[in-house]
Amino acid sequence: MPFKISIFYKMLIAPLLAVALFALFIINIYFQQIEGKEYIESIYQKHFPILNIANENRILLDNIIKLTEDAVVANEQTWLNNTKEYKEKIEKNFKDLSKLDIDEKTIFKMQTIFIKYFSKTIELSTLMINNSEDWNKIEILTKEMTSYLEDTRMER
């Protein structure tokens, strides 16, 4: 005679199966949460320092722009010397970036663009402070400086 399961046990199969599947679901969610937490921590450790340095460089670049504008408007050559402090901080930040997980070529490209921008900015500001009437040179420097400035902003 075949083995018969009582109706009571048959009715228990569905809830027990549901509990087992729910337990598997909870375990799966737990492991996904652990993976997500590890991923977020890796992003925090890798990308936040890069973002902090990039933001600091943006602020320093804005300070250079403001200071050179002020120096030209006030006709003060000595104020241009104050921009060198910001330049040195930006260059230090580039060195700090090279210690992080960033492509060296990218850092070198950004640094080169910044150095070109800075030299053109100082040269143009000096010409304007000294009331140079070499308008062709001023125009060329302005275009070059603007181009490099746009390149620095594109690298963000």
Foldseek 3Di string as FASTA:
>chain_A
DDDDDDPVVVVVVVVVVVVVVVVVVVVVVVVVVVVVVVVVVVCCVAPPVVVVLLVLLVVLVVVLVVQLVVCLVVLPLVSNVVNVVSLVSNVVSLVVVVVGPDDPVLSVVLNVLVVQLSVLSNVLSVCSSVVPPPVVSNVVSVVSNVVSVVVNVVSD
